[in-house]
Amino acid sequence: NYGTVRAATFIGRELLRARAAEAAGASPTDTSAAQPDARPYLEHLTELTPAELAAAGPLPHRLSGADFLALMPGGHRDDATEVGKETEYAVAACTAHPVEENARVAEFQAVLHAMDA
């Protein structure tokens, strides 16, 4: 259902943000004001290219809500959905979709503009 897919997408975004924070030397779970850059800015997955997503390393194909919440006690930061502890999320596929779809749309848009030239 839509809510499960949306939650999986936000879970993937949080895992990517945590990896980026850790690579930058910050705690991936510290969101306090004392460490304002602990969660590097990534508001929308469409800010990433498919190559950047691939370079970030593989995300779990499936992850339970309970396992995610154990890794990221702060949750997935989406006000529209909740992480269900008993739910299995298809994190890799749901995270990749908006990144890849945005790249396809940009490519299609470039083809359309080239036709007008």
PDB file of N, CA and C in Angstrom:
ATOM      1  N   ASN A   1       0.827  -1.185   0.000  1.00  0.00           N
ATOM      2  CA  ASN A   1       0.000   0.000   0.000  1.00  0.00           C
ATOM      3  C   ASN A   1       0.879   1.259   0.000  1.00  0.00           C
ATOM      4  N   TYR A   2       0.266   2.377  -0.290  1.00  0.00           N
ATOM      5  CA  TYR A   2       1.018   3.618  -0.430  1.00  0.00           C
ATOM      6  C   TYR A   2       1.793   3.981   0.832  1.00  0.00           C
ATOM      7  N   GLY A   3       1.156   3.840   1.979  1.00  0.00           N
ATOM      8  CA  GLY A   3       1.818   4.222   3.230  1.00  0.00           C
ATOM      9  C   GLY A   3       3.070   3.414   3.508  1.00  0.00           C
ATOM     10  N   THR A   4       3.037   2.130   3.208  1.00  0.00           N
ATOM     11  CA  THR A   4       4.204   1.279   3.423  1.00  0.00           C
ATOM     12  C   THR A   4       5.335   1.666   2.483  1.00  0.00           C
ATOM     13  N   VAL A   5       4.990   1.929   1.231  1.00  0.00           N
ATOM     14  CA  VAL A   5       6.002   2.339   0.247  1.00  0.00           C
ATOM     15  C   VAL A   5       6.603   3.685   0.644  1.00  0.00           C
ATOM     16  N   ARG A   6       5.752   4.609   1.041  1.00  0.00           N
ATOM     17  CA  ARG A   6       6.251   5.931   1.455  1.00  0.00           C
ATOM     18  C   ARG A   6       7.159   5.810   2.676  1.00  0.00           C
ATOM     19  N   ALA A   7       6.748   5.030   3.656  1.00  0.00           N
ATOM     20  CA  ALA A   7       7.580   4.859   4.851  1.00  0.00           C
ATOM     21  C   ALA A   7       8.921   4.237   4.481  1.00  0.00           C
ATOM     22  N   ALA A   8       8.927   3.244   3.596  1.00  0.00           N
ATOM     23  CA  ALA A   8      10.180   2.608   3.171  1.00  0.00           C
ATOM     24  C   ALA A   8      11.100   3.613   2.493  1.00  0.00           C
ATOM     25  N   THR A   9      10.530   4.514   1.721  1.00  0.00           N
ATOM     26  CA  THR A   9      11.317   5.545   1.047  1.00  0.00           C
ATOM     27  C   THR A   9      11.979   6.471   2.063  1.00  0.00           C
ATOM     28  N   PHE A  10      11.224   6.881   3.059  1.00  0.00           N
ATOM     29  CA  PHE A  10      11.777   7.752   4.098  1.00  0.00           C
ATOM     30  C   PHE A  10      12.794   7.010   4.966  1.00  0.00           C
ATOM     31  N   ILE A  11      12.581   5.726   5.187  1.00  0.00           N
ATOM     32  CA  ILE A  11      13.571   4.922   5.914  1.00  0.00           C
ATOM     33  C   ILE A  11      14.881   4.928   5.141  1.00  0.00           C
ATOM     34  N   GLY A  12      14.806   4.714   3.830  1.00  0.00           N
ATOM     35  CA  GLY A  12      16.010   4.740   3.003  1.00  0.00           C
ATOM     36  C   GLY A  12      16.715   6.074   3.059  1.00  0.00           C
ATOM     37  N   ARG A  13      15.943   7.151   3.016  1.00  0.00           N
ATOM     38  CA  ARG A  13      16.548   8.485   3.099  1.00  0.00           C
ATOM     39  C   ARG A  13      17.281   8.670   4.422  1.00  0.00           C
ATOM     40  N   GLU A  14      16.686   8.215   5.514  1.00  0.00           N
ATOM     41  CA  GLU A  14      17.336   8.360   6.814  1.00  0.00           C
ATOM     42  C   GLU A  14      18.594   7.514   6.910  1.00  0.00           C
ATOM     43  N   LEU A  15      18.569   6.327   6.342  1.00  0.00           N
ATOM     44  CA  LEU A  15      19.770   5.493   6.348  1.00  0.00           C
ATOM     45  C   LEU A  15      20.888   6.155   5.545  1.00  0.00           C
ATOM     46  N   LEU A  16      20.544   6.761   4.411  1.00  0.00           N
ATOM     47  CA  LEU A  16      21.543   7.472   3.611  1.00  0.00           C
ATOM     48  C   LEU A  16      22.089   8.682   4.361  1.00  0.00           C
ATOM     49  N   ARG A  17      21.214   9.417   5.029  1.00  0.00           N
ATOM     50  CA  ARG A  17      21.660  10.580   5.804  1.00  0.00           C
ATOM     51  C   ARG A  17      22.585  10.150   6.940  1.00  0.00           C
ATOM     52  N   ALA A  18      22.253   9.041   7.581  1.00  0.00           N
ATOM     53  CA  ALA A  18      23.090   8.551   8.680  1.00  0.00           C
ATOM     54  C   ALA A  18      24.463   8.133   8.168  1.00  0.00           C
ATOM     55  N   ARG A  19      24.508   7.497   7.002  1.00  0.00           N
ATOM     56  CA  ARG A  19      25.802   7.110   6.419  1.00  0.00           C
ATOM     57  C   ARG A  19      26.640   8.332   6.099  1.00  0.00           C
ATOM     58  N   ALA A  20      26.002   9.350   5.539  1.00  0.00           N
ATOM     59  CA  ALA A  20      26.727  10.575   5.198  1.00  0.00           C
ATOM     60  C   ALA A  20      27.250  11.254   6.457  1.00  0.00           C
ATOM     61  N   ALA A  21      26.449  11.263   7.505  1.00  0.00           N
ATOM     62  CA  ALA A  21      26.879  11.863   8.773  1.00  0.00           C
ATOM     63  C   ALA A  21      28.069  11.111   9.341  1.00  0.00           C
ATOM     64  N   GLU A  22      27.983   9.788   9.316  1.00  0.00           N
ATOM     65  CA  GLU A  22      29.070   8.969   9.844  1.00  0.00           C
ATOM     66  C   GLU A  22      30.352   9.179   9.038  1.00  0.00           C
ATOM     67  N   ALA A  23      30.223   9.278   7.716  1.00  0.00           N
ATOM     68  CA  ALA A  23      31.392   9.511   6.863  1.00  0.00           C
ATOM     69  C   ALA A  23      32.023  10.869   7.154  1.00  0.00           C
ATOM     70  N   ALA A  24      31.191  11.815   7.583  1.00  0.00           N
ATOM     71  CA  ALA A  24      31.687  13.153   7.901  1.00  0.00           C
ATOM     72  C   ALA A  24      32.224  13.243   9.326  1.00  0.00           C
ATOM     73  N   GLY A  25      32.172  12.130  10.052  1.00  0.00           N
ATOM     74  CA  GLY A  25      32.704  12.115  11.403  1.00  0.00           C
ATOM     75  C   GLY A  25      31.709  12.486  12.480  1.00  0.00           C
ATOM     76  N   ALA A  26      30.436  12.603  12.112  1.00  0.00           N
ATOM     77  CA  ALA A  26      29.399  12.943  13.088  1.00  0.00           C
ATOM     78  C   ALA A  26      28.655  11.680  13.498  1.00  0.00           C
ATOM     79  N   SER A  27      27.997  11.749  14.619  1.00  0.00           N
ATOM     80  CA  SER A  27      27.179  10.631  15.064  1.00  0.00           C
ATOM     81  C   SER A  27      25.951  10.543  14.170  1.00  0.00           C
ATOM     82  N   PRO A  28      25.654   9.378  13.605  1.00  0.00           N
ATOM     83  CA  PRO A  28      24.514   9.274  12.703  1.00  0.00           C
ATOM     84  C   PRO A  28      23.162   9.414  13.387  1.00  0.00           C
ATOM     85  N   THR A  29      23.103   9.289  14.696  1.00  0.00           N
ATOM     86  CA  THR A  29      21.815   9.373  15.388  1.00  0.00           C
ATOM     87  C   THR A  29      21.675  10.608  16.269  1.00  0.00           C
ATOM     88  N   ASP A  30      22.716  11.416  16.394  1.00  0.00           N
ATOM     89  CA  ASP A  30      22.641  12.608  17.241  1.00  0.00           C
ATOM     90  C   ASP A  30      22.008  13.744  16.450  1.00  0.00           C
ATOM     91  N   THR A  31      20.838  14.168  16.880  1.00  0.00           N
ATOM     92  CA  THR A  31      20.151  15.267  16.203  1.00  0.00           C
ATOM     93  C   THR A  31      20.075  16.499  17.093  1.00  0.00           C
ATOM     94  N   SER A  32      20.910  16.556  18.108  1.00  0.00           N
ATOM     95  CA  SER A  32      20.862  17.662  19.050  1.00  0.00           C
ATOM     96  C   SER A  32      21.408  18.943  18.438  1.00  0.00           C
ATOM     97  N   ALA A  33      21.065  20.034  19.051  1.00  0.00           N
ATOM     98  CA  ALA A  33      21.567  21.335  18.583  1.00  0.00           C
ATOM     99  C   ALA A  33      23.077  21.436  18.747  1.00  0.00           C
ATOM    100  N   ALA A  34      23.640  20.622  19.643  1.00  0.00           N
ATOM    101  CA  ALA A  34      25.087  20.656  19.844  1.00  0.00           C
ATOM    102  C   ALA A  34      25.839  20.105  18.635  1.00  0.00           C
ATOM    103  N   GLN A  35      25.138  19.369  17.807  1.00  0.00           N
ATOM    104  CA  GLN A  35      25.753  18.801  16.615  1.00  0.00           C
ATOM    105  C   GLN A  35      24.825  19.073  15.422  1.00  0.00           C
ATOM    106  N   PRO A  36      24.711  20.326  14.994  1.00  0.00           N
ATOM    107  CA  PRO A  36      23.723  20.669  13.973  1.00  0.00           C
ATOM    108  C   PRO A  36      23.962  19.994  12.633  1.00  0.00           C
ATOM    109  N   ASP A  37      25.183  19.598  12.329  1.00  0.00           N
ATOM    110  CA  ASP A  37      25.459  18.966  11.051  1.00  0.00           C
ATOM    111  C   ASP A  37      25.486  17.447  11.160  1.00  0.00           C
ATOM    112  N   ALA A  38      24.943  16.899  12.231  1.00  0.00           N
ATOM    113  CA  ALA A  38      24.992  15.459  12.432  1.00  0.00           C
ATOM    114  C   ALA A  38      24.202  14.710  11.373  1.00  0.00           C
ATOM    115  N   ARG A  39      23.169  15.316  10.843  1.00  0.00           N
ATOM    116  CA  ARG A  39      22.367  14.683   9.807  1.00  0.00           C
ATOM    117  C   ARG A  39      22.509  15.537   8.553  1.00  0.00           C
ATOM    118  N   PRO A  40      23.419  15.212   7.662  1.00  0.00           N
ATOM    119  CA  PRO A  40      23.619  16.046   6.478  1.00  0.00           C
ATOM    120  C   PRO A  40      22.314  16.266   5.716  1.00  0.00           C
ATOM    121  N   TYR A  41      22.235  17.417   5.144  1.00  0.00           N
ATOM    122  CA  TYR A  41      21.027  17.840   4.460  1.00  0.00           C
ATOM    123  C   TYR A  41      20.723  16.931   3.276  1.00  0.00           C
ATOM    124  N   LEU A  42      19.596  16.315   3.286  1.00  0.00           N
ATOM    125  CA  LEU A  42      19.060  15.569   2.159  1.00  0.00           C
ATOM    126  C   LEU A  42      17.561  15.543   2.379  1.00  0.00           C
ATOM    127  N   GLU A  43      16.905  16.557   1.851  1.00  0.00           N
ATOM    128  CA  GLU A  43      15.468  16.645   2.073  1.00  0.00           C
ATOM    129  C   GLU A  43      14.704  15.705   1.163  1.00  0.00           C
ATOM    130  N   HIS A  44      15.102  15.672  -0.101  1.00  0.00           N
ATOM    131  CA  HIS A  44      14.396  14.844  -1.081  1.00  0.00           C
ATOM    132  C   HIS A  44      15.375  13.909  -1.773  1.00  0.00           C
ATOM    133  N   LEU A  45      14.975  12.682  -1.948  1.00  0.00           N
ATOM    134  CA  LEU A  45      15.841  11.730  -2.632  1.00  0.00           C
ATOM    135  C   LEU A  45      16.134  12.151  -4.063  1.00  0.00           C
ATOM    136  N   THR A  46      15.265  12.949  -4.645  1.00  0.00           N
ATOM    137  CA  THR A  46      15.490  13.407  -6.018  1.00  0.00           C
ATOM    138  C   THR A  46      16.663  14.374  -6.126  1.00  0.00           C
ATOM    139  N   GLU A  47      17.247  14.739  -4.999  1.00  0.00           N
ATOM    140  CA  GLU A  47      18.475  15.542  -5.029  1.00  0.00           C
ATOM    141  C   GLU A  47      19.674  14.690  -5.433  1.00  0.00           C
ATOM    142  N   LEU A  48      19.511  13.373  -5.398  1.00  0.00           N
ATOM    143  CA  LEU A  48      20.583  12.450  -5.757  1.00  0.00           C
ATOM    144  C   LEU A  48      20.452  11.990  -7.202  1.00  0.00           C
ATOM    145  N   THR A  49      21.578  11.753  -7.840  1.00  0.00           N
ATOM    146  CA  THR A  49      21.567  11.103  -9.142  1.00  0.00           C
ATOM    147  C   THR A  49      21.653   9.593  -8.898  1.00  0.00           C
ATOM    148  N   PRO A  50      21.303   8.787  -9.892  1.00  0.00           N
ATOM    149  CA  PRO A  50      21.475   7.346  -9.719  1.00  0.00           C
ATOM    150  C   PRO A  50      22.920   6.969  -9.380  1.00  0.00           C
ATOM    151  N   ALA A  51      23.888   7.670  -9.957  1.00  0.00           N
ATOM    152  CA  ALA A  51      25.299   7.378  -9.658  1.00  0.00           C
ATOM    153  C   ALA A  51      25.621   7.704  -8.196  1.00  0.00           C
ATOM    154  N   GLU A  52      25.103   8.800  -7.677  1.00  0.00           N
ATOM    155  CA  GLU A  52      25.339   9.150  -6.276  1.00  0.00           C
ATOM    156  C   GLU A  52      24.691   8.135  -5.339  1.00  0.00           C
ATOM    157  N   LEU A  53      23.491   7.683  -5.697  1.00  0.00           N
ATOM    158  CA  LEU A  53      22.830   6.673  -4.886  1.00  0.00           C
ATOM    159  C   LEU A  53      23.645   5.382  -4.880  1.00  0.00           C
ATOM    160  N   ALA A  54      24.144   4.981  -6.041  1.00  0.00           N
ATOM    161  CA  ALA A  54      24.961   3.762  -6.122  1.00  0.00           C
ATOM    162  C   ALA A  54      26.246   3.913  -5.321  1.00  0.00           C
ATOM    163  N   ALA A  55      26.844   5.090  -5.371  1.00  0.00           N
ATOM    164  CA  ALA A  55      28.096   5.330  -4.649  1.00  0.00           C
ATOM    165  C   ALA A  55      27.894   5.304  -3.132  1.00  0.00           C
ATOM    166  N   ALA A  56      26.683   5.524  -2.680  1.00  0.00           N
ATOM    167  CA  ALA A  56      26.404   5.522  -1.241  1.00  0.00           C
ATOM    168  C   ALA A  56      26.431   4.109  -0.656  1.00  0.00           C
ATOM    169  N   GLY A  57      26.464   3.115  -1.512  1.00  0.00           N
ATOM    170  CA  GLY A  57      26.490   1.728  -1.037  1.00  0.00           C
ATOM    171  C   GLY A  57      25.100   1.147  -0.977  1.00  0.00           C
ATOM    172  N   PRO A  58      25.034  -0.167  -0.920  1.00  0.00           N
ATOM    173  CA  PRO A  58      23.721  -0.818  -0.967  1.00  0.00           C
ATOM    174  C   PRO A  58      22.895  -0.576   0.289  1.00  0.00           C
ATOM    175  N   LEU A  59      21.626  -0.404   0.062  1.00  0.00           N
ATOM    176  CA  LEU A  59      20.656  -0.341   1.157  1.00  0.00           C
ATOM    177  C   LEU A  59      20.067  -1.735   1.337  1.00  0.00           C
ATOM    178  N   PRO A  60      19.518  -2.021   2.502  1.00  0.00           N
ATOM    179  CA  PRO A  60      18.913  -3.342   2.689  1.00  0.00           C
ATOM    180  C   PRO A  60      17.723  -3.542   1.751  1.00  0.00           C
ATOM    181  N   HIS A  61      17.645  -4.734   1.161  1.00  0.00           N
ATOM    182  CA  HIS A  61      16.488  -5.026   0.312  1.00  0.00           C
ATOM    183  C   HIS A  61      15.224  -5.039   1.150  1.00  0.00           C
ATOM    184  N   ARG A  62      15.300  -5.647   2.303  1.00  0.00           N
ATOM    185  CA  ARG A  62      14.169  -5.692   3.217  1.00  0.00           C
ATOM    186  C   ARG A  62      14.679  -5.361   4.618  1.00  0.00           C
ATOM    187  N   LEU A  63      13.860  -4.631   5.358  1.00  0.00           N
ATOM    188  CA  LEU A  63      14.220  -4.248   6.717  1.00  0.00           C
ATOM    189  C   LEU A  63      12.933  -4.137   7.526  1.00  0.00           C
ATOM    190  N   SER A  64      12.920  -4.739   8.675  1.00  0.00           N
ATOM    191  CA  SER A  64      11.727  -4.622   9.520  1.00  0.00           C
ATOM    192  C   SER A  64      11.705  -3.249  10.185  1.00  0.00           C
ATOM    193  N   GLY A  65      10.513  -2.813  10.516  1.00  0.00           N
ATOM    194  CA  GLY A  65      10.383  -1.564  11.235  1.00  0.00           C
ATOM    195  C   GLY A  65      11.100  -1.606  12.567  1.00  0.00           C
ATOM    196  N   ALA A  66      11.034  -2.755  13.244  1.00  0.00           N
ATOM    197  CA  ALA A  66      11.709  -2.894  14.540  1.00  0.00           C
ATOM    198  C   ALA A  66      13.218  -2.743  14.390  1.00  0.00           C
ATOM    199  N   ASP A  67      13.782  -3.365  13.346  1.00  0.00           N
ATOM    200  CA  ASP A  67      15.226  -3.254  13.127  1.00  0.00           C
ATOM    201  C   ASP A  67      15.624  -1.821  12.770  1.00  0.00           C
ATOM    202  N   PHE A  68      14.792  -1.155  11.962  1.00  0.00           N
ATOM    203  CA  PHE A  68      15.097   0.238  11.615  1.00  0.00           C
ATOM    204  C   PHE A  68      15.066   1.118  12.857  1.00  0.00           C
ATOM    205  N   LEU A  69      14.037   0.969  13.672  1.00  0.00           N
ATOM    206  CA  LEU A  69      13.921   1.803  14.868  1.00  0.00           C
ATOM    207  C   LEU A  69      15.033   1.521  15.871  1.00  0.00           C
ATOM    208  N   ALA A  70      15.566   0.308  15.869  1.00  0.00           N
ATOM    209  CA  ALA A  70      16.717   0.007  16.727  1.00  0.00           C
ATOM    210  C   ALA A  70      17.954   0.748  16.227  1.00  0.00           C
ATOM    211  N   LEU A  71      18.083   0.873  14.887  1.00  0.00           N
ATOM    212  CA  LEU A  71      19.212   1.608  14.301  1.00  0.00           C
ATOM    213  C   LEU A  71      19.039   3.114  14.417  1.00  0.00           C
ATOM    214  N   MET A  72      17.821   3.568  14.213  1.00  0.00           N
ATOM    215  CA  MET A  72      17.519   4.999  14.143  1.00  0.00           C
ATOM    216  C   MET A  72      16.356   5.304  15.096  1.00  0.00           C
ATOM    217  N   PRO A  73      16.636   5.449  16.381  1.00  0.00           N
ATOM    218  CA  PRO A  73      15.558   5.671  17.348  1.00  0.00           C
ATOM    219  C   PRO A  73      14.723   6.915  17.070  1.00  0.00           C
ATOM    220  N   GLY A  74      15.290   7.860  16.327  1.00  0.00           N
ATOM    221  CA  GLY A  74      14.547   9.074  15.995  1.00  0.00           C
ATOM    222  C   GLY A  74      13.510   8.880  14.910  1.00  0.00           C
ATOM    223  N   GLY A  75      13.482   7.695  14.318  1.00  0.00           N
ATOM    224  CA  GLY A  75      12.479   7.409  13.306  1.00  0.00           C
ATOM    225  C   GLY A  75      12.869   7.867  11.917  1.00  0.00           C
ATOM    226  N   HIS A  76      11.864   7.960  11.055  1.00  0.00           N
ATOM    227  CA  HIS A  76      12.106   8.253   9.640  1.00  0.00           C
ATOM    228  C   HIS A  76      11.752   9.680   9.220  1.00  0.00           C
ATOM    229  N   ARG A  77      11.282  10.468  10.140  1.00  0.00           N
ATOM    230  CA  ARG A  77      11.023  11.897   9.921  1.00  0.00           C
ATOM    231  C   ARG A  77       9.998  12.176   8.832  1.00  0.00           C
ATOM    232  N   ASP A  78       8.933  11.419   8.850  1.00  0.00           N
ATOM    233  CA  ASP A  78       7.821  11.655   7.935  1.00  0.00           C
ATOM    234  C   ASP A  78       6.557  11.760   8.765  1.00  0.00           C
ATOM    235  N   ASP A  79       5.942  12.930   8.726  1.00  0.00           N
ATOM    236  CA  ASP A  79       4.738  13.156   9.520  1.00  0.00           C
ATOM    237  C   ASP A  79       3.517  12.424   8.967  1.00  0.00           C
ATOM    238  N   ALA A  80       3.580  11.975   7.707  1.00  0.00           N
ATOM    239  CA  ALA A  80       2.414  11.358   7.083  1.00  0.00           C
ATOM    240  C   ALA A  80       2.307   9.855   7.321  1.00  0.00           C
ATOM    241  N   THR A  81       3.406   9.222   7.735  1.00  0.00           N
ATOM    242  CA  THR A  81       3.371   7.770   7.949  1.00  0.00           C
ATOM    243  C   THR A  81       4.065   7.416   9.261  1.00  0.00           C
ATOM    244  N   GLU A  82       3.815   6.213   9.720  1.00  0.00           N
ATOM    245  CA  GLU A  82       4.478   5.692  10.910  1.00  0.00           C
ATOM    246  C   GLU A  82       5.231   4.431  10.526  1.00  0.00           C
ATOM    247  N   VAL A  83       6.316   4.162  11.219  1.00  0.00           N
ATOM    248  CA  VAL A  83       7.063   2.924  11.019  1.00  0.00           C
ATOM    249  C   VAL A  83       6.425   1.858  11.896  1.00  0.00           C
ATOM    250  N   GLY A  84       5.917   0.816  11.262  1.00  0.00           N
ATOM    251  CA  GLY A  84       5.325  -0.291  12.000  1.00  0.00           C
ATOM    252  C   GLY A  84       6.396  -1.294  12.382  1.00  0.00           C
ATOM    253  N   LYS A  85       6.507  -1.591  13.645  1.00  0.00           N
ATOM    254  CA  LYS A  85       7.555  -2.504  14.103  1.00  0.00           C
ATOM    255  C   LYS A  85       7.436  -3.886  13.458  1.00  0.00           C
ATOM    256  N   GLU A  86       6.244  -4.318  13.162  1.00  0.00           N
ATOM    257  CA  GLU A  86       6.023  -5.648  12.580  1.00  0.00           C
ATOM    258  C   GLU A  86       6.063  -5.646  11.051  1.00  0.00           C
ATOM    259  N   THR A  87       6.196  -4.484  10.449  1.00  0.00           N
ATOM    260  CA  THR A  87       6.154  -4.375   8.987  1.00  0.00           C
ATOM    261  C   THR A  87       7.529  -4.582   8.388  1.00  0.00           C
ATOM    262  N   GLU A  88       7.585  -5.296   7.274  1.00  0.00           N
ATOM    263  CA  GLU A  88       8.810  -5.462   6.496  1.00  0.00           C
ATOM    264  C   GLU A  88       8.777  -4.443   5.363  1.00  0.00           C
ATOM    265  N   TYR A  89       9.830  -3.667   5.236  1.00  0.00           N
ATOM    266  CA  TYR A  89       9.897  -2.608   4.238  1.00  0.00           C
ATOM    267  C   TYR A  89      10.899  -2.958   3.135  1.00  0.00           C
ATOM    268  N   ALA A  90      10.503  -2.725   1.890  1.00  0.00           N
ATOM    269  CA  ALA A  90      11.378  -2.942   0.725  1.00  0.00           C
ATOM    270  C   ALA A  90      12.189  -1.663   0.517  1.00  0.00           C
ATOM    271  N   VAL A  91      13.188  -1.469   1.346  1.00  0.00           N
ATOM    272  CA  VAL A  91      13.903  -0.200   1.421  1.00  0.00           C
ATOM    273  C   VAL A  91      14.662   0.130   0.143  1.00  0.00           C
ATOM    274  N   ALA A  92      15.446  -0.797  -0.367  1.00  0.00           N
ATOM    275  CA  ALA A  92      16.287  -0.497  -1.535  1.00  0.00           C
ATOM    276  C   ALA A  92      15.451  -0.084  -2.736  1.00  0.00           C
ATOM    277  N   ALA A  93      14.431  -0.847  -3.064  1.00  0.00           N
ATOM    278  CA  ALA A  93      13.607  -0.547  -4.234  1.00  0.00           C
ATOM    279  C   ALA A  93      12.832   0.762  -4.059  1.00  0.00           C
ATOM    280  N   CYS A  94      12.272   0.961  -2.874  1.00  0.00           N
ATOM    281  CA  CYS A  94      11.478   2.177  -2.639  1.00  0.00           C
ATOM    282  C   CYS A  94      12.346   3.428  -2.606  1.00  0.00           C
ATOM    283  N   THR A  95      13.583   3.295  -2.176  1.00  0.00           N
ATOM    284  CA  THR A  95      14.505   4.435  -2.153  1.00  0.00           C
ATOM    285  C   THR A  95      15.008   4.748  -3.557  1.00  0.00           C
ATOM    286  N   ALA A  96      15.271   3.717  -4.329  1.00  0.00           N
ATOM    287  CA  ALA A  96      15.794   3.920  -5.686  1.00  0.00           C
ATOM    288  C   ALA A  96      14.752   4.511  -6.624  1.00  0.00           C
ATOM    289  N   HIS A  97      13.499   4.191  -6.436  1.00  0.00           N
ATOM    290  CA  HIS A  97      12.469   4.621  -7.392  1.00  0.00           C
ATOM    291  C   HIS A  97      12.438   6.130  -7.637  1.00  0.00           C
ATOM    292  N   PRO A  98      12.333   6.988  -6.618  1.00  0.00           N
ATOM    293  CA  PRO A  98      12.271   8.418  -6.917  1.00  0.00           C
ATOM    294  C   PRO A  98      13.558   8.950  -7.547  1.00  0.00           C
ATOM    295  N   VAL A  99      14.688   8.374  -7.194  1.00  0.00           N
ATOM    296  CA  VAL A  99      15.969   8.809  -7.769  1.00  0.00           C
ATOM    297  C   VAL A  99      15.994   8.474  -9.264  1.00  0.00           C
ATOM    298  N   GLU A 100      15.657   7.231  -9.581  1.00  0.00           N
ATOM    299  CA  GLU A 100      15.682   6.787 -10.976  1.00  0.00           C
ATOM    300  C   GLU A 100      14.599   7.452 -11.806  1.00  0.00           C
ATOM    301  N   GLU A 101      13.416   7.619 -11.232  1.00  0.00           N
ATOM    302  CA  GLU A 101      12.328   8.267 -11.969  1.00  0.00           C
ATOM    303  C   GLU A 101      12.671   9.723 -12.273  1.00  0.00           C
ATOM    304  N   ASN A 102      13.277  10.412 -11.331  1.00  0.00           N
ATOM    305  CA  ASN A 102      13.684  11.793 -11.567  1.00  0.00           C
ATOM    306  C   ASN A 102      14.712  11.867 -12.696  1.00  0.00           C
ATOM    307  N   ALA A 103      15.638  10.927 -12.730  1.00  0.00           N
ATOM    308  CA  ALA A 103      16.639  10.905 -13.804  1.00  0.00           C
ATOM    309  C   ALA A 103      15.976  10.642 -15.154  1.00  0.00           C
ATOM    310  N   ARG A 104      14.994   9.742 -15.188  1.00  0.00           N
ATOM    311  CA  ARG A 104      14.284   9.468 -16.451  1.00  0.00           C
ATOM    312  C   ARG A 104      13.509  10.695 -16.919  1.00  0.00           C
ATOM    313  N   VAL A 105      12.872  11.387 -16.005  1.00  0.00           N
ATOM    314  CA  VAL A 105      12.119  12.587 -16.369  1.00  0.00           C
ATOM    315  C   VAL A 105      13.057  13.668 -16.899  1.00  0.00           C
ATOM    316  N   ALA A 106      14.198  13.836 -16.255  1.00  0.00           N
ATOM    317  CA  ALA A 106      15.167  14.838 -16.725  1.00  0.00           C
ATOM    318  C   ALA A 106      15.675  14.481 -18.123  1.00  0.00           C
ATOM    319  N   GLU A 107      15.920  13.205 -18.363  1.00  0.00           N
ATOM    320  CA  GLU A 107      16.372  12.766 -19.688  1.00  0.00           C
ATOM    321  C   GLU A 107      15.282  13.003 -20.737  1.00  0.00           C
ATOM    322  N   PHE A 108      14.057  12.684 -20.403  1.00  0.00           N
ATOM    323  CA  PHE A 108      12.939  12.904 -21.319  1.00  0.00           C
ATOM    324  C   PHE A 108      12.764  14.393 -21.612  1.00  0.00           C
ATOM    325  N   GLN A 109      12.887  15.211 -20.580  1.00  0.00           N
ATOM    326  CA  GLN A 109      12.779  16.652 -20.751  1.00  0.00           C
ATOM    327  C   GLN A 109      13.877  17.163 -21.676  1.00  0.00           C
ATOM    328  N   ALA A 110      15.083  16.640 -21.563  1.00  0.00           N
ATOM    329  CA  ALA A 110      16.187  17.049 -22.439  1.00  0.00           C
ATOM    330  C   ALA A 110      15.885  16.665 -23.896  1.00  0.00           C
ATOM    331  N   VAL A 111      15.303  15.505 -24.089  1.00  0.00           N
ATOM    332  CA  VAL A 111      14.935  15.084 -25.454  1.00  0.00           C
ATOM    333  C   VAL A 111      13.870  16.017 -26.013  1.00  0.00           C
ATOM    334  N   LEU A 112      12.895  16.369 -25.228  1.00  0.00           N
ATOM    335  CA  LEU A 112      11.854  17.283 -25.694  1.00  0.00           C
ATOM    336  C   LEU A 112      12.428  18.650 -26.055  1.00  0.00           C
ATOM    337  N   HIS A 113      13.322  19.159 -25.227  1.00  0.00           N
ATOM    338  CA  HIS A 113      13.948  20.456 -25.525  1.00  0.00           C
ATOM    339  C   HIS A 113      14.811  20.374 -26.767  1.00  0.00           C
ATOM    340  N   ALA A 114      15.473  19.249 -26.980  1.00  0.00           N
ATOM    341  CA  ALA A 114      16.307  19.082 -28.174  1.00  0.00           C
ATOM    342  C   ALA A 114      15.448  19.059 -29.434  1.00  0.00           C
ATOM    343  N   MET A 115      14.239  18.543 -29.327  1.00  0.00           N
ATOM    344  CA  MET A 115      13.326  18.498 -30.482  1.00  0.00           C
ATOM    345  C   MET A 115      12.857  19.903 -30.860  1.00  0.00           C
ATOM    346  N   ASP A 116      12.752  20.792 -29.871  1.00  0.00           N
ATOM    347  CA  ASP A 116      12.317  22.168 -30.130  1.00  0.00           C
ATOM    348  C   ASP A 116      13.429  22.995 -30.761  1.00  0.00           C
ATOM    349  N   ALA A 117      14.669  22.575 -30.606  1.00  0.00           N
ATOM    350  CA  ALA A 117      15.800  23.370 -31.095  1.00  0.00           C
ATOM    351  C   ALA A 117      15.976  23.257 -32.592  1.00  0.00           C
TER     352      ALA A 117
END
